[in-house]
PDB file of N, CA and C in Angstrom:
ATOM      1  N   UNK A   1      -2.617  -9.963 -17.038  1.00  0.00           N
ATOM      2  CA  UNK A   1      -3.363  -8.763 -16.605  1.00  0.00           C
ATOM      3  C   UNK A   1      -4.675  -8.960 -16.424  1.00  0.00           C
ATOM      4  N   UNK A   2      -5.352  -9.932 -17.318  1.00  0.00           N
ATOM      5  CA  UNK A   2      -6.582 -10.101 -17.151  1.00  0.00           C
ATOM      6  C   UNK A   2      -7.126 -10.733 -15.695  1.00  0.00           C
ATOM      7  N   UNK A   3      -6.262 -11.510 -15.308  1.00  0.00           N
ATOM      8  CA  UNK A   3      -6.469 -12.179 -13.749  1.00  0.00           C
ATOM      9  C   UNK A   3      -6.235 -11.088 -12.679  1.00  0.00           C
ATOM     10  N   UNK A   4      -5.231 -10.157 -12.910  1.00  0.00           N
ATOM     11  CA  UNK A   4      -5.338  -9.063 -11.857  1.00  0.00           C
ATOM     12  C   UNK A   4      -6.437  -8.117 -12.034  1.00  0.00           C
ATOM     13  N   UNK A   5      -6.788  -7.826 -13.119  1.00  0.00           N
ATOM     14  CA  UNK A   5      -8.100  -7.014 -13.348  1.00  0.00           C
ATOM     15  C   UNK A   5      -9.442  -7.636 -12.504  1.00  0.00           C
ATOM     16  N   UNK A   6      -9.413  -8.928 -12.758  1.00  0.00           N
ATOM     17  CA  UNK A   6     -10.668  -9.737 -12.212  1.00  0.00           C
ATOM     18  C   UNK A   6     -10.490  -9.722 -10.537  1.00  0.00           C
ATOM     19  N   UNK A   7      -9.163  -9.828 -10.263  1.00  0.00           N
ATOM     20  CA  UNK A   7      -8.977  -9.926  -8.751  1.00  0.00           C
ATOM     21  C   UNK A   7      -9.208  -8.466  -8.126  1.00  0.00           C
ATOM     22  N   UNK A   8      -8.907  -7.407  -8.915  1.00  0.00           N
ATOM     23  CA  UNK A   8      -9.346  -5.949  -8.252  1.00  0.00           C
ATOM     24  C   UNK A   8     -10.674  -5.795  -8.296  1.00  0.00           C
ATOM     25  N   UNK A   9     -11.327  -6.198  -9.339  1.00  0.00           N
ATOM     26  CA  UNK A   9     -12.931  -5.877  -9.351  1.00  0.00           C
ATOM     27  C   UNK A   9     -13.505  -6.836  -8.572  1.00  0.00           C
ATOM     28  N   UNK A  10     -12.918  -8.051  -8.183  1.00  0.00           N
ATOM     29  CA  UNK A  10     -13.743  -8.962  -7.124  1.00  0.00           C
ATOM     30  C   UNK A  10     -13.585  -8.198  -5.941  1.00  0.00           C
ATOM     31  N   UNK A  11     -12.529  -7.628  -5.552  1.00  0.00           N
ATOM     32  CA  UNK A  11     -12.228  -6.911  -4.306  1.00  0.00           C
ATOM     33  C   UNK A  11     -13.100  -5.834  -4.087  1.00  0.00           C
ATOM     34  N   UNK A  12     -13.148  -4.931  -5.135  1.00  0.00           N
ATOM     35  CA  UNK A  12     -13.888  -3.813  -4.993  1.00  0.00           C
ATOM     36  C   UNK A  12     -15.324  -4.054  -5.007  1.00  0.00           C
ATOM     37  N   UNK A  13     -15.688  -5.195  -5.534  1.00  0.00           N
ATOM     38  CA  UNK A  13     -17.285  -5.516  -5.485  1.00  0.00           C
ATOM     39  C   UNK A  13     -17.706  -5.903  -4.157  1.00  0.00           C
ATOM     40  N   UNK A  14     -16.849  -6.195  -3.208  1.00  0.00           N
ATOM     41  CA  UNK A  14     -17.270  -6.910  -2.009  1.00  0.00           C
ATOM     42  C   UNK A  14     -17.779  -5.757  -1.052  1.00  0.00           C
ATOM     43  N   UNK A  15     -18.805  -6.166  -0.484  1.00  0.00           N
ATOM     44  CA  UNK A  15     -19.456  -5.111   0.470  1.00  0.00           C
ATOM     45  C   UNK A  15     -18.643  -4.607   1.468  1.00  0.00           C
ATOM     46  N   UNK A  16     -18.654  -3.547   2.192  1.00  0.00           N
ATOM     47  CA  UNK A  16     -17.853  -3.034   3.198  1.00  0.00           C
ATOM     48  C   UNK A  16     -16.579  -2.578   2.979  1.00  0.00           C
ATOM     49  N   UNK A  17     -15.838  -2.707   1.873  1.00  0.00           N
ATOM     50  CA  UNK A  17     -14.554  -2.123   1.428  1.00  0.00           C
ATOM     51  C   UNK A  17     -13.600  -2.373   2.465  1.00  0.00           C
ATOM     52  N   UNK A  18     -13.707  -3.694   2.747  1.00  0.00           N
ATOM     53  CA  UNK A  18     -12.481  -4.168   3.677  1.00  0.00           C
ATOM     54  C   UNK A  18     -11.164  -4.133   3.303  1.00  0.00           C
ATOM     55  N   UNK A  19     -11.058  -4.117   1.844  1.00  0.00           N
ATOM     56  CA  UNK A  19      -9.502  -4.318   1.397  1.00  0.00           C
ATOM     57  C   UNK A  19      -9.272  -2.987   0.415  1.00  0.00           C
ATOM     58  N   UNK A  20      -8.101  -2.472   0.675  1.00  0.00           N
ATOM     59  CA  UNK A  20      -7.754  -1.502  -0.226  1.00  0.00           C
ATOM     60  C   UNK A  20      -6.616  -1.961  -1.033  1.00  0.00           C
ATOM     61  N   UNK A  21      -6.503  -1.963  -2.211  1.00  0.00           N
ATOM     62  CA  UNK A  21      -5.595  -2.323  -3.301  1.00  0.00           C
ATOM     63  C   UNK A  21      -4.643  -1.213  -3.423  1.00  0.00           C
ATOM     64  N   UNK A  22      -3.322  -1.808  -3.395  1.00  0.00           N
ATOM     65  CA  UNK A  22      -2.214  -0.546  -3.543  1.00  0.00           C
ATOM     66  C   UNK A  22      -1.173  -1.255  -4.389  1.00  0.00           C
ATOM     67  N   UNK A  23      -0.330  -0.594  -4.929  1.00  0.00           N
ATOM     68  CA  UNK A  23       0.922  -1.039  -5.603  1.00  0.00           C
ATOM     69  C   UNK A  23       0.818  -0.947  -7.169  1.00  0.00           C
ATOM     70  N   UNK A  24       1.820  -1.462  -7.621  1.00  0.00           N
ATOM     71  CA  UNK A  24       1.978  -1.536  -9.190  1.00  0.00           C
ATOM     72  C   UNK A  24       0.962  -2.178 -10.033  1.00  0.00           C
ATOM     73  N   UNK A  25       0.780  -2.297 -11.006  1.00  0.00           N
ATOM     74  CA  UNK A  25      -0.301  -2.760 -11.982  1.00  0.00           C
ATOM     75  C   UNK A  25       0.186  -3.902 -12.778  1.00  0.00           C
ATOM     76  N   UNK A  26       1.319  -4.488 -12.257  1.00  0.00           N
ATOM     77  CA  UNK A  26       2.088  -5.526 -12.870  1.00  0.00           C
ATOM     78  C   UNK A  26       2.422  -6.793 -11.857  1.00  0.00           C
ATOM     79  N   UNK A  27       2.964  -7.799 -12.472  1.00  0.00           N
ATOM     80  CA  UNK A  27       3.365  -8.940 -11.599  1.00  0.00           C
ATOM     81  C   UNK A  27       2.517  -9.981 -11.347  1.00  0.00           C
ATOM     82  N   UNK A  28       2.792 -10.868 -10.443  1.00  0.00           N
ATOM     83  CA  UNK A  28       1.838 -12.010 -10.079  1.00  0.00           C
ATOM     84  C   UNK A  28       1.344 -12.076  -8.562  1.00  0.00           C
ATOM     85  N   UNK A  29       1.433 -10.976  -7.965  1.00  0.00           N
ATOM     86  CA  UNK A  29       0.914 -10.778  -6.594  1.00  0.00           C
ATOM     87  C   UNK A  29       0.299  -9.165  -6.567  1.00  0.00           C
ATOM     88  N   UNK A  30      -0.559  -9.308  -5.527  1.00  0.00           N
ATOM     89  CA  UNK A  30      -1.329  -7.757  -5.512  1.00  0.00           C
ATOM     90  C   UNK A  30      -1.300  -7.657  -3.788  1.00  0.00           C
ATOM     91  N   UNK A  31      -1.119  -6.342  -3.469  1.00  0.00           N
ATOM     92  CA  UNK A  31      -1.171  -6.117  -2.084  1.00  0.00           C
ATOM     93  C   UNK A  31      -2.460  -5.345  -1.775  1.00  0.00           C
ATOM     94  N   UNK A  32      -3.198  -5.766  -0.631  1.00  0.00           N
ATOM     95  CA  UNK A  32      -4.333  -5.214  -0.179  1.00  0.00           C
ATOM     96  C   UNK A  32      -4.282  -4.888   1.257  1.00  0.00           C
ATOM     97  N   UNK A  33      -4.449  -3.648   1.536  1.00  0.00           N
ATOM     98  CA  UNK A  33      -4.444  -3.178   3.019  1.00  0.00           C
ATOM     99  C   UNK A  33      -5.639  -3.555   3.649  1.00  0.00           C
ATOM    100  N   UNK A  34      -5.755  -3.813   4.971  1.00  0.00           N
ATOM    101  CA  UNK A  34      -6.732  -4.164   5.734  1.00  0.00           C
ATOM    102  C   UNK A  34      -7.105  -2.859   6.632  1.00  0.00           C
ATOM    103  N   UNK A  35      -8.392  -2.559   7.039  1.00  0.00           N
ATOM    104  CA  UNK A  35      -8.551  -1.475   7.940  1.00  0.00           C
ATOM    105  C   UNK A  35      -7.636  -1.437   8.976  1.00  0.00           C
ATOM    106  N   UNK A  36      -7.453  -0.252   9.579  1.00  0.00           N
ATOM    107  CA  UNK A  36      -6.468  -0.204  10.820  1.00  0.00           C
ATOM    108  C   UNK A  36      -7.164  -0.978  11.943  1.00  0.00           C
ATOM    109  N   UNK A  37      -6.240  -1.447  12.853  1.00  0.00           N
ATOM    110  CA  UNK A  37      -6.518  -2.411  13.883  1.00  0.00           C
ATOM    111  C   UNK A  37      -6.820  -3.744  13.507  1.00  0.00           C
ATOM    112  N   UNK A  38      -6.875  -4.335  12.366  1.00  0.00           N
ATOM    113  CA  UNK A  38      -7.058  -5.648  11.983  1.00  0.00           C
ATOM    114  C   UNK A  38      -5.670  -6.214  11.840  1.00  0.00           C
ATOM    115  N   UNK A  39      -5.447  -7.304  12.601  1.00  0.00           N
ATOM    116  CA  UNK A  39      -4.119  -8.080  12.413  1.00  0.00           C
ATOM    117  C   UNK A  39      -3.892  -8.847  11.166  1.00  0.00           C
ATOM    118  N   UNK A  40      -3.172  -8.644  10.276  1.00  0.00           N
ATOM    119  CA  UNK A  40      -3.099  -9.306   9.003  1.00  0.00           C
ATOM    120  C   UNK A  40      -2.473 -10.801   9.194  1.00  0.00           C
ATOM    121  N   UNK A  41      -1.836 -11.138  10.351  1.00  0.00           N
ATOM    122  CA  UNK A  41      -1.452 -12.436  10.561  1.00  0.00           C
ATOM    123  C   UNK A  41      -2.689 -13.385  10.984  1.00  0.00           C
ATOM    124  N   UNK A  42      -3.515 -12.816  11.833  1.00  0.00           N
ATOM    125  CA  UNK A  42      -4.755 -13.551  12.116  1.00  0.00           C
ATOM    126  C   UNK A  42      -5.594 -13.555  11.059  1.00  0.00           C
ATOM    127  N   UNK A  43      -5.740 -12.743  10.068  1.00  0.00           N
ATOM    128  CA  UNK A  43      -6.545 -12.933   8.979  1.00  0.00           C
ATOM    129  C   UNK A  43      -5.970 -13.933   8.077  1.00  0.00           C
ATOM    130  N   UNK A  44      -4.693 -13.969   7.799  1.00  0.00           N
ATOM    131  CA  UNK A  44      -4.074 -14.986   7.022  1.00  0.00           C
ATOM    132  C   UNK A  44      -4.379 -16.368   7.711  1.00  0.00           C
ATOM    133  N   UNK A  45      -4.104 -16.408   8.964  1.00  0.00           N
ATOM    134  CA  UNK A  45      -4.419 -17.776   9.669  1.00  0.00           C
ATOM    135  C   UNK A  45      -5.910 -18.229   9.327  1.00  0.00           C
ATOM    136  N   UNK A  46      -6.795 -17.346   9.509  1.00  0.00           N
ATOM    137  CA  UNK A  46      -8.248 -17.526   9.473  1.00  0.00           C
ATOM    138  C   UNK A  46      -8.427 -18.175   7.810  1.00  0.00           C
ATOM    139  N   UNK A  47      -7.786 -17.196   7.004  1.00  0.00           N
ATOM    140  CA  UNK A  47      -7.972 -17.465   5.473  1.00  0.00           C
ATOM    141  C   UNK A  47      -7.366 -18.883   5.270  1.00  0.00           C
ATOM    142  N   UNK A  48      -6.415 -19.355   5.739  1.00  0.00           N
ATOM    143  CA  UNK A  48      -5.702 -20.446   5.581  1.00  0.00           C
ATOM    144  C   UNK A  48      -6.679 -21.559   6.043  1.00  0.00           C
ATOM    145  N   UNK A  49      -7.393 -21.358   7.237  1.00  0.00           N
ATOM    146  CA  UNK A  49      -8.362 -22.464   7.532  1.00  0.00           C
ATOM    147  C   UNK A  49      -9.513 -22.544   6.596  1.00  0.00           C
ATOM    148  N   UNK A  50      -9.820 -21.515   5.758  1.00  0.00           N
ATOM    149  CA  UNK A  50     -10.878 -21.408   4.801  1.00  0.00           C
ATOM    150  C   UNK A  50     -10.465 -21.876   3.552  1.00  0.00           C
ATOM    151  N   UNK A  51      -8.996 -22.077   3.330  1.00  0.00           N
ATOM    152  CA  UNK A  51      -8.581 -22.661   2.026  1.00  0.00           C
ATOM    153  C   UNK A  51      -8.085 -21.565   1.202  1.00  0.00           C
ATOM    154  N   UNK A  52      -7.896 -20.506   1.599  1.00  0.00           N
ATOM    155  CA  UNK A  52      -7.011 -19.426   0.811  1.00  0.00           C
ATOM    156  C   UNK A  52      -5.702 -19.155   1.443  1.00  0.00           C
ATOM    157  N   UNK A  53      -4.953 -19.102   0.504  1.00  0.00           N
ATOM    158  CA  UNK A  53      -3.566 -18.746   0.806  1.00  0.00           C
ATOM    159  C   UNK A  53      -3.135 -17.158   0.615  1.00  0.00           C
ATOM    160  N   UNK A  54      -3.048 -16.562   1.768  1.00  0.00           N
ATOM    161  CA  UNK A  54      -2.785 -14.950   1.746  1.00  0.00           C
ATOM    162  C   UNK A  54      -1.656 -14.596   2.790  1.00  0.00           C
ATOM    163  N   UNK A  55      -0.451 -14.099   2.238  1.00  0.00           N
ATOM    164  CA  UNK A  55       0.439 -13.912   3.116  1.00  0.00           C
ATOM    165  C   UNK A  55       0.312 -12.503   3.797  1.00  0.00           C
ATOM    166  N   UNK A  56       0.611 -12.514   5.212  1.00  0.00           N
ATOM    167  CA  UNK A  56       0.336 -11.298   5.745  1.00  0.00           C
ATOM    168  C   UNK A  56       1.499 -10.328   5.503  1.00  0.00           C
ATOM    169  N   UNK A  57       1.315  -8.989   5.128  1.00  0.00           N
ATOM    170  CA  UNK A  57       2.117  -8.009   4.692  1.00  0.00           C
ATOM    171  C   UNK A  57       3.343  -7.739   5.869  1.00  0.00           C
ATOM    172  N   UNK A  58       2.815  -7.985   6.949  1.00  0.00           N
ATOM    173  CA  UNK A  58       3.726  -7.488   8.115  1.00  0.00           C
ATOM    174  C   UNK A  58       4.887  -8.447   8.399  1.00  0.00           C
ATOM    175  N   UNK A  59       4.939  -9.544   7.576  1.00  0.00           N
ATOM    176  CA  UNK A  59       6.245 -10.447   7.704  1.00  0.00           C
ATOM    177  C   UNK A  59       7.212  -9.771   6.707  1.00  0.00           C
ATOM    178  N   UNK A  60       6.999  -9.028   5.945  1.00  0.00           N
ATOM    179  CA  UNK A  60       7.809  -8.233   5.256  1.00  0.00           C
ATOM    180  C   UNK A  60       8.331  -6.737   5.593  1.00  0.00           C
ATOM    181  N   UNK A  61       7.932  -6.412   6.596  1.00  0.00           N
ATOM    182  CA  UNK A  61       8.143  -5.111   7.138  1.00  0.00           C
ATOM    183  C   UNK A  61       8.981  -5.167   8.413  1.00  0.00           C
ATOM    184  N   UNK A  62       9.761  -4.145   8.523  1.00  0.00           N
ATOM    185  CA  UNK A  62      10.838  -4.209   9.783  1.00  0.00           C
ATOM    186  C   UNK A  62      10.256  -3.820  10.972  1.00  0.00           C
ATOM    187  N   UNK A  63       9.267  -2.463  10.617  1.00  0.00           N
ATOM    188  CA  UNK A  63       8.715  -1.979  11.761  1.00  0.00           C
ATOM    189  C   UNK A  63       7.201  -2.104  11.611  1.00  0.00           C
ATOM    190  N   UNK A  64       6.494  -2.142  12.789  1.00  0.00           N
ATOM    191  CA  UNK A  64       4.997  -2.117  12.789  1.00  0.00           C
ATOM    192  C   UNK A  64       4.380  -1.036  11.948  1.00  0.00           C
ATOM    193  N   UNK A  65       3.568  -1.375  11.104  1.00  0.00           N
ATOM    194  CA  UNK A  65       2.946  -0.217  10.405  1.00  0.00           C
ATOM    195  C   UNK A  65       1.510   0.142  10.977  1.00  0.00           C
ATOM    196  N   UNK A  66       0.835   1.038  10.648  1.00  0.00           N
ATOM    197  CA  UNK A  66      -0.460   1.605  11.071  1.00  0.00           C
ATOM    198  C   UNK A  66      -1.615   0.618  10.538  1.00  0.00           C
ATOM    199  N   UNK A  67      -1.236  -0.005   9.305  1.00  0.00           N
ATOM    200  CA  UNK A  67      -2.320  -0.890   8.791  1.00  0.00           C
ATOM    201  C   UNK A  67      -1.459  -2.177   8.356  1.00  0.00           C
ATOM    202  N   UNK A  68      -2.072  -3.290   8.571  1.00  0.00           N
ATOM    203  CA  UNK A  68      -1.808  -4.448   7.950  1.00  0.00           C
ATOM    204  C   UNK A  68      -2.153  -4.845   6.587  1.00  0.00           C
ATOM    205  N   UNK A  69      -1.647  -5.765   6.040  1.00  0.00           N
ATOM    206  CA  UNK A  69      -2.331  -6.084   4.696  1.00  0.00           C
ATOM    207  C   UNK A  69      -2.118  -7.340   4.420  1.00  0.00           C
ATOM    208  N   UNK A  70      -2.449  -7.918   3.284  1.00  0.00           N
ATOM    209  CA  UNK A  70      -2.378  -9.304   2.673  1.00  0.00           C
ATOM    210  C   UNK A  70      -1.684  -9.175   1.300  1.00  0.00           C
ATOM    211  N   UNK A  71      -0.767 -10.128   1.042  1.00  0.00           N
ATOM    212  CA  UNK A  71      -0.168 -10.254  -0.278  1.00  0.00           C
ATOM    213  C   UNK A  71      -0.986 -11.586  -0.879  1.00  0.00           C
ATOM    214  N   UNK A  72      -1.519 -11.152  -2.100  1.00  0.00           N
ATOM    215  CA  UNK A  72      -2.537 -12.197  -2.775  1.00  0.00           C
ATOM    216  C   UNK A  72      -1.863 -12.455  -4.138  1.00  0.00           C
ATOM    217  N   UNK A  73      -1.484 -13.848  -4.292  1.00  0.00           N
ATOM    218  CA  UNK A  73      -1.060 -14.153  -5.602  1.00  0.00           C
ATOM    219  C   UNK A  73      -2.090 -14.720  -6.503  1.00  0.00           C
ATOM    220  N   UNK A  74      -1.963 -14.421  -7.885  1.00  0.00           N
ATOM    221  CA  UNK A  74      -2.977 -14.861  -8.589  1.00  0.00           C
ATOM    222  C   UNK A  74      -2.552 -15.525  -9.946  1.00  0.00           C
ATOM    223  N   UNK A  75      -1.321 -15.527  -9.838  1.00  0.00           N
ATOM    224  CA  UNK A  75      -0.566 -16.177 -11.097  1.00  0.00           C
ATOM    225  C   UNK A  75      -0.996 -17.632 -11.598  1.00  0.00           C
ATOM    226  N   UNK A  76      -1.161 -18.342 -10.588  1.00  0.00           N
ATOM    227  CA  UNK A  76      -1.483 -19.849 -10.834  1.00  0.00           C
ATOM    228  C   UNK A  76      -3.156 -20.110 -10.848  1.00  0.00           C
ATOM    229  N   UNK A  77      -3.931 -19.083 -10.860  1.00  0.00           N
ATOM    230  CA  UNK A  77      -5.255 -19.410 -10.823  1.00  0.00           C
ATOM    231  C   UNK A  77      -6.042 -18.831 -11.998  1.00  0.00           C
ATOM    232  N   UNK A  78      -7.191 -19.315 -12.233  1.00  0.00           N
ATOM    233  CA  UNK A  78      -7.986 -18.781 -13.313  1.00  0.00           C
ATOM    234  C   UNK A  78      -8.882 -17.694 -12.706  1.00  0.00           C
ATOM    235  N   UNK A  79      -9.936 -17.063 -13.635  1.00  0.00           N
ATOM    236  CA  UNK A  79     -10.690 -16.073 -13.187  1.00  0.00           C
ATOM    237  C   UNK A  79     -11.704 -16.449 -12.304  1.00  0.00           C
ATOM    238  N   UNK A  80     -12.196 -17.769 -12.667  1.00  0.00           N
ATOM    239  CA  UNK A  80     -13.549 -18.354 -11.587  1.00  0.00           C
ATOM    240  C   UNK A  80     -12.776 -18.528 -10.158  1.00  0.00           C
ATOM    241  N   UNK A  81     -11.686 -19.164 -10.157  1.00  0.00           N
ATOM    242  CA  UNK A  81     -10.897 -19.276  -8.681  1.00  0.00           C
ATOM    243  C   UNK A  81     -10.700 -17.990  -8.118  1.00  0.00           C
ATOM    244  N   UNK A  82     -10.273 -17.027  -8.714  1.00  0.00           N
ATOM    245  CA  UNK A  82      -9.952 -15.730  -8.032  1.00  0.00           C
ATOM    246  C   UNK A  82     -11.359 -15.150  -7.562  1.00  0.00           C
ATOM    247  N   UNK A  83     -12.399 -15.195  -8.517  1.00  0.00           N
ATOM    248  CA  UNK A  83     -13.711 -14.777  -7.749  1.00  0.00           C
ATOM    249  C   UNK A  83     -14.110 -15.493  -6.550  1.00  0.00           C
ATOM    250  N   UNK A  84     -13.980 -16.917  -6.608  1.00  0.00           N
ATOM    251  CA  UNK A  84     -14.329 -17.645  -5.443  1.00  0.00           C
ATOM    252  C   UNK A  84     -13.262 -17.350  -4.295  1.00  0.00           C
ATOM    253  N   UNK A  85     -12.121 -17.129  -4.548  1.00  0.00           N
ATOM    254  CA  UNK A  85     -11.234 -16.925  -3.470  1.00  0.00           C
ATOM    255  C   UNK A  85     -11.479 -15.767  -2.806  1.00  0.00           C
ATOM    256  N   UNK A  86     -11.966 -14.511  -3.529  1.00  0.00           N
ATOM    257  CA  UNK A  86     -12.052 -13.228  -2.862  1.00  0.00           C
ATOM    258  C   UNK A  86     -13.360 -13.495  -1.862  1.00  0.00           C
ATOM    259  N   UNK A  87     -14.423 -14.282  -2.360  1.00  0.00           N
ATOM    260  CA  UNK A  87     -15.622 -14.498  -1.527  1.00  0.00           C
ATOM    261  C   UNK A  87     -15.225 -15.424  -0.472  1.00  0.00           C
ATOM    262  N   UNK A  88     -14.307 -16.147  -0.421  1.00  0.00           N
ATOM    263  CA  UNK A  88     -13.981 -16.920   0.750  1.00  0.00           C
ATOM    264  C   UNK A  88     -12.949 -15.923   1.730  1.00  0.00           C
ATOM    265  N   UNK A  89     -12.248 -15.265   1.120  1.00  0.00           N
ATOM    266  CA  UNK A  89     -11.534 -14.177   1.974  1.00  0.00           C
ATOM    267  C   UNK A  89     -12.324 -13.212   2.669  1.00  0.00           C
ATOM    268  N   UNK A  90     -13.433 -12.768   1.998  1.00  0.00           N
ATOM    269  CA  UNK A  90     -14.330 -11.978   2.647  1.00  0.00           C
ATOM    270  C   UNK A  90     -15.026 -12.553   3.893  1.00  0.00           C
ATOM    271  N   UNK A  91     -15.309 -13.975   3.637  1.00  0.00           N
ATOM    272  CA  UNK A  91     -16.174 -14.784   4.644  1.00  0.00           C
ATOM    273  C   UNK A  91     -14.950 -14.907   5.864  1.00  0.00           C
ATOM    274  N   UNK A  92     -13.693 -15.030   5.547  1.00  0.00           N
ATOM    275  CA  UNK A  92     -12.788 -15.119   6.627  1.00  0.00           C
ATOM    276  C   UNK A  92     -12.772 -13.727   7.368  1.00  0.00           C
ATOM    277  N   UNK A  93     -12.792 -12.716   6.763  1.00  0.00           N
ATOM    278  CA  UNK A  93     -12.744 -11.337   7.331  1.00  0.00           C
ATOM    279  C   UNK A  93     -13.961 -11.227   8.217  1.00  0.00           C
ATOM    280  N   UNK A  94     -15.228 -11.434   7.618  1.00  0.00           N
ATOM    281  CA  UNK A  94     -16.455 -11.454   8.497  1.00  0.00           C
ATOM    282  C   UNK A  94     -16.256 -12.469   9.843  1.00  0.00           C
ATOM    283  N   UNK A  95     -15.764 -13.535   9.712  1.00  0.00           N
ATOM    284  CA  UNK A  95     -15.466 -14.262  10.873  1.00  0.00           C
ATOM    285  C   UNK A  95     -14.815 -13.683  12.023  1.00  0.00           C
ATOM    286  N   UNK A  96     -13.729 -12.865  11.564  1.00  0.00           N
ATOM    287  CA  UNK A  96     -12.992 -12.295  12.664  1.00  0.00           C
ATOM    288  C   UNK A  96     -13.542 -10.930  12.958  1.00  0.00           C
ATOM    289  N   UNK A  97     -14.518 -10.349  12.324  1.00  0.00           N
ATOM    290  CA  UNK A  97     -15.322  -9.319  12.702  1.00  0.00           C
ATOM    291  C   UNK A  97     -16.256  -9.469  13.720  1.00  0.00           C
ATOM    292  N   UNK A  98     -16.779 -10.579  13.918  1.00  0.00           N
ATOM    293  CA  UNK A  98     -17.986 -10.900  14.829  1.00  0.00           C
ATOM    294  C   UNK A  98     -17.322 -11.574  16.165  1.00  0.00           C
TER     295      UNK A  98
END
């Protein structure tokens, strides 16, 4: 629960509010929606190039949704790694926005 809380707080502290956390407050993964029009597969590929593993939500959906998202795992990381990972993820999103 502590790691999830750190992840949510790190996402909410990022400027621009690019990610919206949704879903249950338990488990080892968190779902974060992207703004409309941003391709979650493209974000996941860029994140992988930047050293972050984030699964695009669209691979779990039968029909195209109005918003893509990312499935972020946090079970095997510590709080410092989570905070660093969110910073890297934000940098990945910024690269795609320019």
